[in-house]
Amino acid sequence: MHIVVCIKQVPDSSQIRVHPVTNTIMRQGVPAVVNPYDLFSLEEALRLKDRVGGRVTVLCMGPPQAEMALRKAISFGADHAILVTDRAFAGSDTLATSFALASAVRQIGRDMAVDLVFCGKQTIDGDTAQVGPGIAKRLDLQLLTYVSQIDAVDPERREIVVRRRAEGGVQVLKTRLPCLITMLEGSNELRFATQAGIFRAARYPVQRWDSKAAGIEDPSRVGLKGSPTVVRKVFAPTPNTQRADLISCESGTPEDLAATLLAKLTTRNPELAALLGRAGMQETGR
């Protein structure tokens, strides 16, 4: 079984700042990390490899420094790593990114057919959750999003059974391979890298592909030329300076505590008090 895991190196969201004049994200001096959602997909791919065997190839599109993210994946147990990097990719939105990654996955499949493609649910820098479905659409793969657990996989029968979290419950789905899966956060716990894996990652020659090596014949479909999305403004949310209040009552019973809380809320929000008053009058009228 051949599994491809798409990962992305992103800036640490806890340290991102917005320029006060240009309203653009200031990336200088901000440490880069592997997108946390992608790590759940990487771990699930490694578990499938432990269960049924096969090969795990990690794919990343980004600048040359994104090679560190791939080396980290190698230290956890991935077999191969490919970095798709080219100046032509600069400024790519989700449409152009999914096109470039789908082309790279197609090129990887020429060496060994791809059975499964894993992506994170979304990235913490874009939060669109569009790249995974975009890759599936371009490669004509079955798409399984928000997967919380993989129950069974049968490489010989080319079938996989997963549990997908949906509104109102959990769906148990079975589909044929190949398919693309986006894993839900908290679905597993990433293993620790072994000493041998760390040494292997340090020595591993990460393969670098430019746009031509990735199979992209039309450069107008990547980068700014292939990105119809236009960002009008980037801004930081206003921090909440209001402190939390400690609400207590002498009796400590749930009823008295609820009454104290309600009185506090209605005092601060006259509209809420008026709304509750109207609701009480309607209830009395009944």
C-alpha atoms as a PDB file:
ATOM      1  CA  MET A   1       0.000   0.000   0.000  1.00  0.00           C
ATOM      2  CA  HIS A   2       1.281   3.440  -0.949  1.00  0.00           C
ATOM      3  CA  ILE A   3       0.113   6.347   1.214  1.00  0.00           C
ATOM      4  CA  VAL A   4       0.801  10.014   0.451  1.00  0.00           C
ATOM      5  CA  VAL A   5       0.504  12.528   3.290  1.00  0.00           C
ATOM      6  CA  CYS A   6       0.260  16.218   2.402  1.00  0.00           C
ATOM      7  CA  ILE A   7       1.681  18.493   5.080  1.00  0.00           C
ATOM      8  CA  LYS A   8       2.365  22.207   5.313  1.00  0.00           C
ATOM      9  CA  GLN A   9       4.824  24.311   7.254  1.00  0.00           C
ATOM     10  CA  VAL A  10       2.991  27.232   8.840  1.00  0.00           C
ATOM     11  CA  PRO A  11       3.975  30.120  11.114  1.00  0.00           C
ATOM     12  CA  ASP A  12       3.311  29.574  14.797  1.00  0.00           C
ATOM     13  CA  SER A  13      -0.111  31.202  15.170  1.00  0.00           C
ATOM     14  CA  SER A  14       0.561  32.137  18.787  1.00  0.00           C
ATOM     15  CA  GLN A  15       3.347  34.488  17.697  1.00  0.00           C
ATOM     16  CA  ILE A  16       1.917  36.013  14.509  1.00  0.00           C
ATOM     17  CA  ARG A  17       1.658  39.794  14.418  1.00  0.00           C
ATOM     18  CA  VAL A  18      -0.059  42.143  11.983  1.00  0.00           C
ATOM     19  CA  HIS A  19       1.762  45.225  10.717  1.00  0.00           C
ATOM     20  CA  PRO A  20      -0.064  48.287  12.058  1.00  0.00           C
ATOM     21  CA  VAL A  21       0.383  50.293   8.825  1.00  0.00           C
ATOM     22  CA  THR A  22       0.237  47.794   5.957  1.00  0.00           C
ATOM     23  CA  ASN A  23      -2.169  45.344   7.684  1.00  0.00           C
ATOM     24  CA  THR A  24      -0.086  42.416   6.437  1.00  0.00           C
ATOM     25  CA  ILE A  25       1.116  39.421   8.439  1.00  0.00           C
ATOM     26  CA  MET A  26       4.627  39.902   9.807  1.00  0.00           C
ATOM     27  CA  ARG A  27       6.417  36.577   9.367  1.00  0.00           C
ATOM     28  CA  GLN A  28       9.908  37.800  10.177  1.00  0.00           C
ATOM     29  CA  GLY A  29      11.165  36.221  13.352  1.00  0.00           C
ATOM     30  CA  VAL A  30       8.102  33.989  13.709  1.00  0.00           C
ATOM     31  CA  PRO A  31       9.045  30.305  14.160  1.00  0.00           C
ATOM     32  CA  ALA A  32       7.578  27.811  11.703  1.00  0.00           C
ATOM     33  CA  VAL A  33       5.882  24.580  12.746  1.00  0.00           C
ATOM     34  CA  VAL A  34       4.202  21.663  11.017  1.00  0.00           C
ATOM     35  CA  ASN A  35       0.491  22.375  10.675  1.00  0.00           C
ATOM     36  CA  PRO A  36      -0.942  20.632  13.775  1.00  0.00           C
ATOM     37  CA  TYR A  37      -3.911  19.153  11.895  1.00  0.00           C
ATOM     38  CA  ASP A  38      -1.530  17.469   9.439  1.00  0.00           C
ATOM     39  CA  LEU A  39       0.153  15.571  12.267  1.00  0.00           C
ATOM     40  CA  PHE A  40      -3.034  13.607  12.953  1.00  0.00           C
ATOM     41  CA  SER A  41      -3.067  12.485   9.315  1.00  0.00           C
ATOM     42  CA  LEU A  42       0.628  11.583   9.447  1.00  0.00           C
ATOM     43  CA  GLU A  43       0.138   9.442  12.543  1.00  0.00           C
ATOM     44  CA  GLU A  44      -2.859   7.667  11.002  1.00  0.00           C
ATOM     45  CA  ALA A  45      -0.853   6.931   7.855  1.00  0.00           C
ATOM     46  CA  LEU A  46       1.978   5.492   9.949  1.00  0.00           C
ATOM     47  CA  ARG A  47      -0.501   3.330  11.871  1.00  0.00           C
ATOM     48  CA  LEU A  48      -1.868   1.938   8.615  1.00  0.00           C
ATOM     49  CA  LYS A  49       1.684   1.204   7.521  1.00  0.00           C
ATOM     50  CA  ASP A  50       2.278  -0.677  10.781  1.00  0.00           C
ATOM     51  CA  ARG A  51      -0.972  -2.594  10.272  1.00  0.00           C
ATOM     52  CA  VAL A  52      -0.860  -3.602   6.614  1.00  0.00           C
ATOM     53  CA  GLY A  53       2.611  -2.581   5.470  1.00  0.00           C
ATOM     54  CA  GLY A  54       3.501  -0.366   2.553  1.00  0.00           C
ATOM     55  CA  ARG A  55       5.173   2.971   1.990  1.00  0.00           C
ATOM     56  CA  VAL A  56       4.440   6.447   3.336  1.00  0.00           C
ATOM     57  CA  THR A  57       5.469   9.401   1.183  1.00  0.00           C
ATOM     58  CA  VAL A  58       5.232  12.882   2.683  1.00  0.00           C
ATOM     59  CA  LEU A  59       4.554  15.767   0.304  1.00  0.00           C
ATOM     60  CA  CYS A  60       4.942  19.457   1.066  1.00  0.00           C
ATOM     61  CA  MET A  61       4.620  22.573  -1.080  1.00  0.00           C
ATOM     62  CA  GLY A  62       6.479  25.601   0.213  1.00  0.00           C
ATOM     63  CA  PRO A  63       9.750  27.535   0.356  1.00  0.00           C
ATOM     64  CA  PRO A  64      13.118  25.757   0.763  1.00  0.00           C
ATOM     65  CA  GLN A  65      12.997  26.095   4.549  1.00  0.00           C
ATOM     66  CA  ALA A  66       9.916  23.851   4.592  1.00  0.00           C
ATOM     67  CA  GLU A  67      12.390  20.993   4.247  1.00  0.00           C
ATOM     68  CA  MET A  68      12.557  20.956   8.056  1.00  0.00           C
ATOM     69  CA  ALA A  69       8.898  19.937   8.239  1.00  0.00           C
ATOM     70  CA  LEU A  70       9.603  16.984   5.948  1.00  0.00           C
ATOM     71  CA  ARG A  71      12.602  15.914   7.997  1.00  0.00           C
ATOM     72  CA  LYS A  72      10.419  15.920  11.083  1.00  0.00           C
ATOM     73  CA  ALA A  73       7.973  13.593   9.296  1.00  0.00           C
ATOM     74  CA  ILE A  74      10.858  11.311   8.345  1.00  0.00           C
ATOM     75  CA  SER A  75      11.960  11.147  11.990  1.00  0.00           C
ATOM     76  CA  PHE A  76       8.510   9.847  12.953  1.00  0.00           C
ATOM     77  CA  GLY A  77       8.729   6.989  10.449  1.00  0.00           C
ATOM     78  CA  ALA A  78       7.791   8.232   6.975  1.00  0.00           C
ATOM     79  CA  ASP A  79       9.696   6.534   4.159  1.00  0.00           C
ATOM     80  CA  HIS A  80      10.080   9.270   1.559  1.00  0.00           C
ATOM     81  CA  ALA A  81       9.769  13.055   1.438  1.00  0.00           C
ATOM     82  CA  ILE A  82       9.237  15.397  -1.499  1.00  0.00           C
ATOM     83  CA  LEU A  83       9.341  19.188  -1.344  1.00  0.00           C
ATOM     84  CA  VAL A  84       7.562  20.992  -4.181  1.00  0.00           C
ATOM     85  CA  THR A  85       9.255  24.380  -4.265  1.00  0.00           C
ATOM     86  CA  ASP A  86       9.455  26.979  -6.999  1.00  0.00           C
ATOM     87  CA  ARG A  87       9.184  30.752  -7.259  1.00  0.00           C
ATOM     88  CA  ALA A  88       6.267  30.132  -9.607  1.00  0.00           C
ATOM     89  CA  PHE A  89       4.196  28.945  -6.603  1.00  0.00           C
ATOM     90  CA  ALA A  90       4.504  32.235  -4.698  1.00  0.00           C
ATOM     91  CA  GLY A  91       1.135  33.731  -3.807  1.00  0.00           C
ATOM     92  CA  SER A  92      -0.879  30.573  -4.498  1.00  0.00           C
ATOM     93  CA  ASP A  93      -4.361  30.450  -3.010  1.00  0.00           C
ATOM     94  CA  THR A  94      -6.243  27.234  -2.243  1.00  0.00           C
ATOM     95  CA  LEU A  95      -7.233  26.720  -5.881  1.00  0.00           C
ATOM     96  CA  ALA A  96      -3.659  26.985  -7.170  1.00  0.00           C
ATOM     97  CA  THR A  97      -2.275  25.013  -4.224  1.00  0.00           C
ATOM     98  CA  SER A  98      -4.649  22.091  -4.755  1.00  0.00           C
ATOM     99  CA  PHE A  99      -3.752  22.081  -8.460  1.00  0.00           C
ATOM    100  CA  ALA A 100      -0.011  21.941  -7.716  1.00  0.00           C
ATOM    101  CA  LEU A 101      -0.336  19.233  -5.057  1.00  0.00           C
ATOM    102  CA  ALA A 102      -2.674  17.147  -7.219  1.00  0.00           C
ATOM    103  CA  SER A 103      -0.135  17.316 -10.054  1.00  0.00           C
ATOM    104  CA  ALA A 104       2.627  16.238  -7.664  1.00  0.00           C
ATOM    105  CA  VAL A 105       0.559  13.314  -6.342  1.00  0.00           C
ATOM    106  CA  ARG A 106      -0.078  12.261  -9.936  1.00  0.00           C
ATOM    107  CA  GLN A 107       3.674  12.303 -10.591  1.00  0.00           C
ATOM    108  CA  ILE A 108       4.325  10.278  -7.428  1.00  0.00           C
ATOM    109  CA  GLY A 109       1.807   7.701  -8.647  1.00  0.00           C
ATOM    110  CA  ARG A 110       3.847   7.086 -11.791  1.00  0.00           C
ATOM    111  CA  ASP A 111       6.566   5.468  -9.678  1.00  0.00           C
ATOM    112  CA  MET A 112       4.138   3.519  -7.457  1.00  0.00           C
ATOM    113  CA  ALA A 113       0.344   3.707  -7.582  1.00  0.00           C
ATOM    114  CA  VAL A 114      -1.124   5.777  -4.746  1.00  0.00           C
ATOM    115  CA  ASP A 115      -3.796   4.030  -2.658  1.00  0.00           C
ATOM    116  CA  LEU A 116      -4.509   6.676  -0.025  1.00  0.00           C
ATOM    117  CA  VAL A 117      -3.961  10.421   0.264  1.00  0.00           C
ATOM    118  CA  PHE A 118      -4.113  12.012   3.714  1.00  0.00           C
ATOM    119  CA  CYS A 119      -4.570  15.700   4.449  1.00  0.00           C
ATOM    120  CA  GLY A 120      -5.177  17.642   7.622  1.00  0.00           C
ATOM    121  CA  LYS A 121      -8.671  18.962   8.235  1.00  0.00           C
ATOM    122  CA  GLN A 122      -7.388  22.484   7.565  1.00  0.00           C
ATOM    123  CA  THR A 123      -4.357  24.702   8.184  1.00  0.00           C
ATOM    124  CA  ILE A 124      -4.023  27.137  11.043  1.00  0.00           C
ATOM    125  CA  ASP A 125      -2.862  29.976   8.780  1.00  0.00           C
ATOM    126  CA  GLY A 126      -5.645  29.798   6.184  1.00  0.00           C
ATOM    127  CA  ASP A 127      -8.413  27.823   7.954  1.00  0.00           C
ATOM    128  CA  THR A 128     -10.270  27.224   4.678  1.00  0.00           C
ATOM    129  CA  ALA A 129     -10.322  23.387   4.657  1.00  0.00           C
ATOM    130  CA  GLN A 130     -10.409  23.571   0.855  1.00  0.00           C
ATOM    131  CA  VAL A 131      -7.090  22.071  -0.263  1.00  0.00           C
ATOM    132  CA  GLY A 132      -7.891  18.445   0.612  1.00  0.00           C
ATOM    133  CA  PRO A 133     -11.260  18.410  -1.201  1.00  0.00           C
ATOM    134  CA  GLY A 134      -9.628  20.288  -4.082  1.00  0.00           C
ATOM    135  CA  ILE A 135      -6.993  17.576  -4.496  1.00  0.00           C
ATOM    136  CA  ALA A 136      -9.650  14.851  -4.387  1.00  0.00           C
ATOM    137  CA  LYS A 137     -11.697  16.592  -7.064  1.00  0.00           C
ATOM    138  CA  ARG A 138      -8.739  17.047  -9.394  1.00  0.00           C
ATOM    139  CA  LEU A 139      -7.586  13.438  -8.978  1.00  0.00           C
ATOM    140  CA  ASP A 140     -11.139  12.036  -9.113  1.00  0.00           C
ATOM    141  CA  LEU A 141     -10.760  10.391  -5.691  1.00  0.00           C
ATOM    142  CA  GLN A 142     -13.447   9.442  -3.208  1.00  0.00           C
ATOM    143  CA  LEU A 143     -13.445  12.104  -0.471  1.00  0.00           C
ATOM    144  CA  LEU A 144     -13.839  11.302   3.238  1.00  0.00           C
ATOM    145  CA  THR A 145     -13.677  14.401   5.442  1.00  0.00           C
ATOM    146  CA  TYR A 146     -13.692  14.794   9.244  1.00  0.00           C
ATOM    147  CA  VAL A 147     -12.679  11.167   9.756  1.00  0.00           C
ATOM    148  CA  SER A 148     -12.257  10.313  13.433  1.00  0.00           C
ATOM    149  CA  GLN A 149     -11.316   6.644  13.114  1.00  0.00           C
ATOM    150  CA  ILE A 150     -10.328   4.069  10.501  1.00  0.00           C
ATOM    151  CA  ASP A 151     -12.020   0.788  11.361  1.00  0.00           C
ATOM    152  CA  ALA A 152     -10.703  -1.452   8.594  1.00  0.00           C
ATOM    153  CA  VAL A 153      -8.703  -1.386   5.397  1.00  0.00           C
ATOM    154  CA  ASP A 154      -8.383  -4.238   2.922  1.00  0.00           C
ATOM    155  CA  PRO A 155      -5.685  -3.636   0.289  1.00  0.00           C
ATOM    156  CA  GLU A 156      -6.605  -6.799  -1.623  1.00  0.00           C
ATOM    157  CA  ARG A 157     -10.319  -5.980  -1.903  1.00  0.00           C
ATOM    158  CA  ARG A 158      -9.459  -2.274  -2.273  1.00  0.00           C
ATOM    159  CA  GLU A 159     -11.878  -1.209   0.473  1.00  0.00           C
ATOM    160  CA  ILE A 160     -11.705   1.000   3.537  1.00  0.00           C
ATOM    161  CA  VAL A 161     -14.180   1.534   6.403  1.00  0.00           C
ATOM    162  CA  VAL A 162     -14.043   4.754   8.424  1.00  0.00           C
ATOM    163  CA  ARG A 163     -16.002   6.658  11.021  1.00  0.00           C
ATOM    164  CA  ARG A 164     -16.825  10.228  10.093  1.00  0.00           C
ATOM    165  CA  ARG A 165     -18.077  12.801  12.541  1.00  0.00           C
ATOM    166  CA  ALA A 166     -21.155  14.610  11.265  1.00  0.00           C
ATOM    167  CA  GLU A 167     -23.860  16.851  12.644  1.00  0.00           C
ATOM    168  CA  GLY A 168     -26.034  14.816  14.948  1.00  0.00           C
ATOM    169  CA  GLY A 169     -23.865  11.732  15.182  1.00  0.00           C
ATOM    170  CA  VAL A 170     -21.198   9.543  13.595  1.00  0.00           C
ATOM    171  CA  GLN A 171     -21.349   8.068  10.099  1.00  0.00           C
ATOM    172  CA  VAL A 172     -19.786   4.685   9.296  1.00  0.00           C
ATOM    173  CA  LEU A 173     -18.733   4.739   5.655  1.00  0.00           C
ATOM    174  CA  LYS A 174     -17.181   2.182   3.352  1.00  0.00           C
ATOM    175  CA  THR A 175     -15.636   3.097   0.024  1.00  0.00           C
ATOM    176  CA  ARG A 176     -13.187   1.805  -2.496  1.00  0.00           C
ATOM    177  CA  LEU A 177      -9.560   2.759  -2.838  1.00  0.00           C
ATOM    178  CA  PRO A 178      -7.979   5.047  -3.866  1.00  0.00           C
ATOM    179  CA  CYS A 179      -9.487   7.815  -1.764  1.00  0.00           C
ATOM    180  CA  LEU A 180      -8.529  10.990   0.090  1.00  0.00           C
ATOM    181  CA  ILE A 181      -9.035  11.333   3.845  1.00  0.00           C
ATOM    182  CA  THR A 182      -8.922  14.408   6.053  1.00  0.00           C
ATOM    183  CA  MET A 183      -8.434  13.452   9.687  1.00  0.00           C
ATOM    184  CA  LEU A 184     -10.155  15.176  12.575  1.00  0.00           C
ATOM    185  CA  GLU A 185      -8.159  16.652  15.430  1.00  0.00           C
ATOM    186  CA  GLY A 186      -7.867  14.446  18.505  1.00  0.00           C
ATOM    187  CA  SER A 187      -8.356  11.281  16.473  1.00  0.00           C
ATOM    188  CA  ASN A 188      -4.990   9.914  17.597  1.00  0.00           C
ATOM    189  CA  GLU A 189      -1.816  10.826  19.438  1.00  0.00           C
ATOM    190  CA  LEU A 190       1.398  11.369  17.506  1.00  0.00           C
ATOM    191  CA  ARG A 191       4.177   8.962  18.369  1.00  0.00           C
ATOM    192  CA  PHE A 192       7.592  10.069  19.559  1.00  0.00           C
ATOM    193  CA  ALA A 193      10.487  10.067  17.124  1.00  0.00           C
ATOM    194  CA  THR A 194      13.067   7.374  17.826  1.00  0.00           C
ATOM    195  CA  GLN A 195      16.779   8.053  18.005  1.00  0.00           C
ATOM    196  CA  ALA A 196      17.319   6.041  14.841  1.00  0.00           C
ATOM    197  CA  GLY A 197      14.552   8.011  13.133  1.00  0.00           C
ATOM    198  CA  ILE A 198      16.128  11.331  14.125  1.00  0.00           C
ATOM    199  CA  PHE A 199      19.509  10.264  12.746  1.00  0.00           C
ATOM    200  CA  ARG A 200      17.858   9.055   9.533  1.00  0.00           C
ATOM    201  CA  ALA A 201      15.978  12.342   9.158  1.00  0.00           C
ATOM    202  CA  ALA A 202      19.206  14.325   9.536  1.00  0.00           C
ATOM    203  CA  ARG A 203      20.884  12.328   6.769  1.00  0.00           C
ATOM    204  CA  TYR A 204      17.868  11.939   4.501  1.00  0.00           C
ATOM    205  CA  PRO A 205      18.228  13.627   1.058  1.00  0.00           C
ATOM    206  CA  VAL A 206      14.877  15.399   0.692  1.00  0.00           C
ATOM    207  CA  GLN A 207      13.803  15.331  -2.936  1.00  0.00           C
ATOM    208  CA  ARG A 208      13.023  18.760  -4.396  1.00  0.00           C
ATOM    209  CA  TRP A 209      10.705  19.266  -7.327  1.00  0.00           C
ATOM    210  CA  ASP A 210      10.210  22.448  -9.282  1.00  0.00           C
ATOM    211  CA  SER A 211       7.029  23.127 -11.239  1.00  0.00           C
ATOM    212  CA  LYS A 212       8.170  21.048 -14.218  1.00  0.00           C
ATOM    213  CA  ALA A 213       9.187  18.062 -12.087  1.00  0.00           C
ATOM    214  CA  ALA A 214       5.784  18.252 -10.381  1.00  0.00           C
ATOM    215  CA  GLY A 215       4.108  17.822 -13.781  1.00  0.00           C
ATOM    216  CA  ILE A 216       2.804  21.378 -14.121  1.00  0.00           C
ATOM    217  CA  GLU A 217       2.839  22.276 -17.786  1.00  0.00           C
ATOM    218  CA  ASP A 218       0.768  25.445 -17.552  1.00  0.00           C
ATOM    219  CA  PRO A 219       2.407  27.950 -15.141  1.00  0.00           C
ATOM    220  CA  SER A 220      -0.632  30.231 -15.353  1.00  0.00           C
ATOM    221  CA  ARG A 221      -2.544  27.799 -13.110  1.00  0.00           C
ATOM    222  CA  VAL A 222      -0.253  28.265 -10.098  1.00  0.00           C
ATOM    223  CA  GLY A 223       1.040  31.236  -8.164  1.00  0.00           C
ATOM    224  CA  LEU A 224      -0.643  34.616  -8.366  1.00  0.00           C
ATOM    225  CA  LYS A 225      -1.710  34.013 -11.968  1.00  0.00           C
ATOM    226  CA  GLY A 226      -3.702  30.947 -10.996  1.00  0.00           C
ATOM    227  CA  SER A 227      -5.148  32.432  -7.805  1.00  0.00           C
ATOM    228  CA  PRO A 228      -8.485  34.231  -8.186  1.00  0.00           C
ATOM    229  CA  THR A 229      -8.721  34.881  -4.437  1.00  0.00           C
ATOM    230  CA  VAL A 230      -7.993  38.499  -3.481  1.00  0.00           C
ATOM    231  CA  VAL A 231      -7.311  39.357   0.175  1.00  0.00           C
ATOM    232  CA  ARG A 232      -8.674  42.834   0.853  1.00  0.00           C
ATOM    233  CA  LYS A 233      -7.497  43.177   4.431  1.00  0.00           C
ATOM    234  CA  VAL A 234      -5.776  41.286   7.226  1.00  0.00           C
ATOM    235  CA  PHE A 235      -6.374  42.406  10.801  1.00  0.00           C
ATOM    236  CA  ALA A 236      -5.839  41.143  14.316  1.00  0.00           C
ATOM    237  CA  PRO A 237      -8.921  40.660  16.515  1.00  0.00           C
ATOM    238  CA  THR A 238      -9.381  43.214  19.257  1.00  0.00           C
ATOM    239  CA  PRO A 239      -8.249  41.702  22.550  1.00  0.00           C
ATOM    240  CA  ASN A 240     -10.880  41.380  25.232  1.00  0.00           C
ATOM    241  CA  THR A 241      -9.838  43.595  28.138  1.00  0.00           C
ATOM    242  CA  GLN A 242     -12.870  42.870  30.280  1.00  0.00           C
ATOM    243  CA  ARG A 243     -12.115  40.607  33.191  1.00  0.00           C
ATOM    244  CA  ALA A 244     -14.304  37.759  34.327  1.00  0.00           C
ATOM    245  CA  ASP A 245     -16.513  38.287  37.352  1.00  0.00           C
ATOM    246  CA  LEU A 246     -16.709  35.904  40.274  1.00  0.00           C
ATOM    247  CA  ILE A 247     -20.377  35.217  41.013  1.00  0.00           C
ATOM    248  CA  SER A 248     -21.287  33.545  44.275  1.00  0.00           C
ATOM    249  CA  CYS A 249     -24.259  33.311  46.606  1.00  0.00           C
ATOM    250  CA  GLU A 250     -24.542  32.485  50.277  1.00  0.00           C
ATOM    251  CA  SER A 251     -26.679  29.355  49.986  1.00  0.00           C
ATOM    252  CA  GLY A 252     -24.713  27.842  47.114  1.00  0.00           C
ATOM    253  CA  THR A 253     -27.715  25.963  45.761  1.00  0.00           C
ATOM    254  CA  PRO A 254     -28.037  25.675  41.957  1.00  0.00           C
ATOM    255  CA  GLU A 255     -31.341  27.576  42.002  1.00  0.00           C
ATOM    256  CA  ASP A 256     -29.962  30.546  43.965  1.00  0.00           C
ATOM    257  CA  LEU A 257     -26.784  30.596  41.871  1.00  0.00           C
ATOM    258  CA  ALA A 258     -28.855  30.616  38.676  1.00  0.00           C
ATOM    259  CA  ALA A 259     -30.998  33.456  40.001  1.00  0.00           C
ATOM    260  CA  THR A 260     -27.890  35.462  40.941  1.00  0.00           C
ATOM    261  CA  LEU A 261     -26.382  34.877  37.501  1.00  0.00           C
ATOM    262  CA  LEU A 262     -29.599  35.876  35.753  1.00  0.00           C
ATOM    263  CA  ALA A 263     -29.843  39.065  37.805  1.00  0.00           C
ATOM    264  CA  LYS A 264     -26.264  39.932  36.882  1.00  0.00           C
ATOM    265  CA  LEU A 265     -26.889  39.349  33.183  1.00  0.00           C
ATOM    266  CA  THR A 266     -30.117  41.351  33.069  1.00  0.00           C
ATOM    267  CA  THR A 267     -28.492  44.254  34.914  1.00  0.00           C
ATOM    268  CA  ARG A 268     -25.729  44.462  32.323  1.00  0.00           C
ATOM    269  CA  ASN A 269     -28.015  43.814  29.354  1.00  0.00           C
ATOM    270  CA  PRO A 270     -31.300  45.754  29.501  1.00  0.00           C
ATOM    271  CA  GLU A 271     -32.321  44.289  26.139  1.00  0.00           C
ATOM    272  CA  LEU A 272     -32.071  40.791  27.604  1.00  0.00           C
ATOM    273  CA  ALA A 273     -34.187  41.866  30.584  1.00  0.00           C
ATOM    274  CA  ALA A 274     -36.849  43.285  28.254  1.00  0.00           C
ATOM    275  CA  LEU A 275     -36.806  40.127  26.154  1.00  0.00           C
ATOM    276  CA  LEU A 276     -37.222  37.901  29.213  1.00  0.00           C
ATOM    277  CA  GLY A 277     -39.994  40.162  30.474  1.00  0.00           C
ATOM    278  CA  ARG A 278     -41.925  39.817  27.221  1.00  0.00           C
ATOM    279  CA  ALA A 279     -41.423  36.068  27.264  1.00  0.00           C
ATOM    280  CA  GLY A 280     -42.762  35.923  30.823  1.00  0.00           C
ATOM    281  CA  MET A 281     -45.843  37.933  29.894  1.00  0.00           C
ATOM    282  CA  GLN A 282     -46.569  35.608  26.981  1.00  0.00           C
ATOM    283  CA  GLU A 283     -46.184  32.589  29.218  1.00  0.00           C
ATOM    284  CA  THR A 284     -48.556  34.119  31.780  1.00  0.00           C
ATOM    285  CA  GLY A 285     -51.096  34.883  29.060  1.00  0.00           C
ATOM    286  CA  ARG A 286     -51.223  31.260  28.117  1.00  0.00           C
END
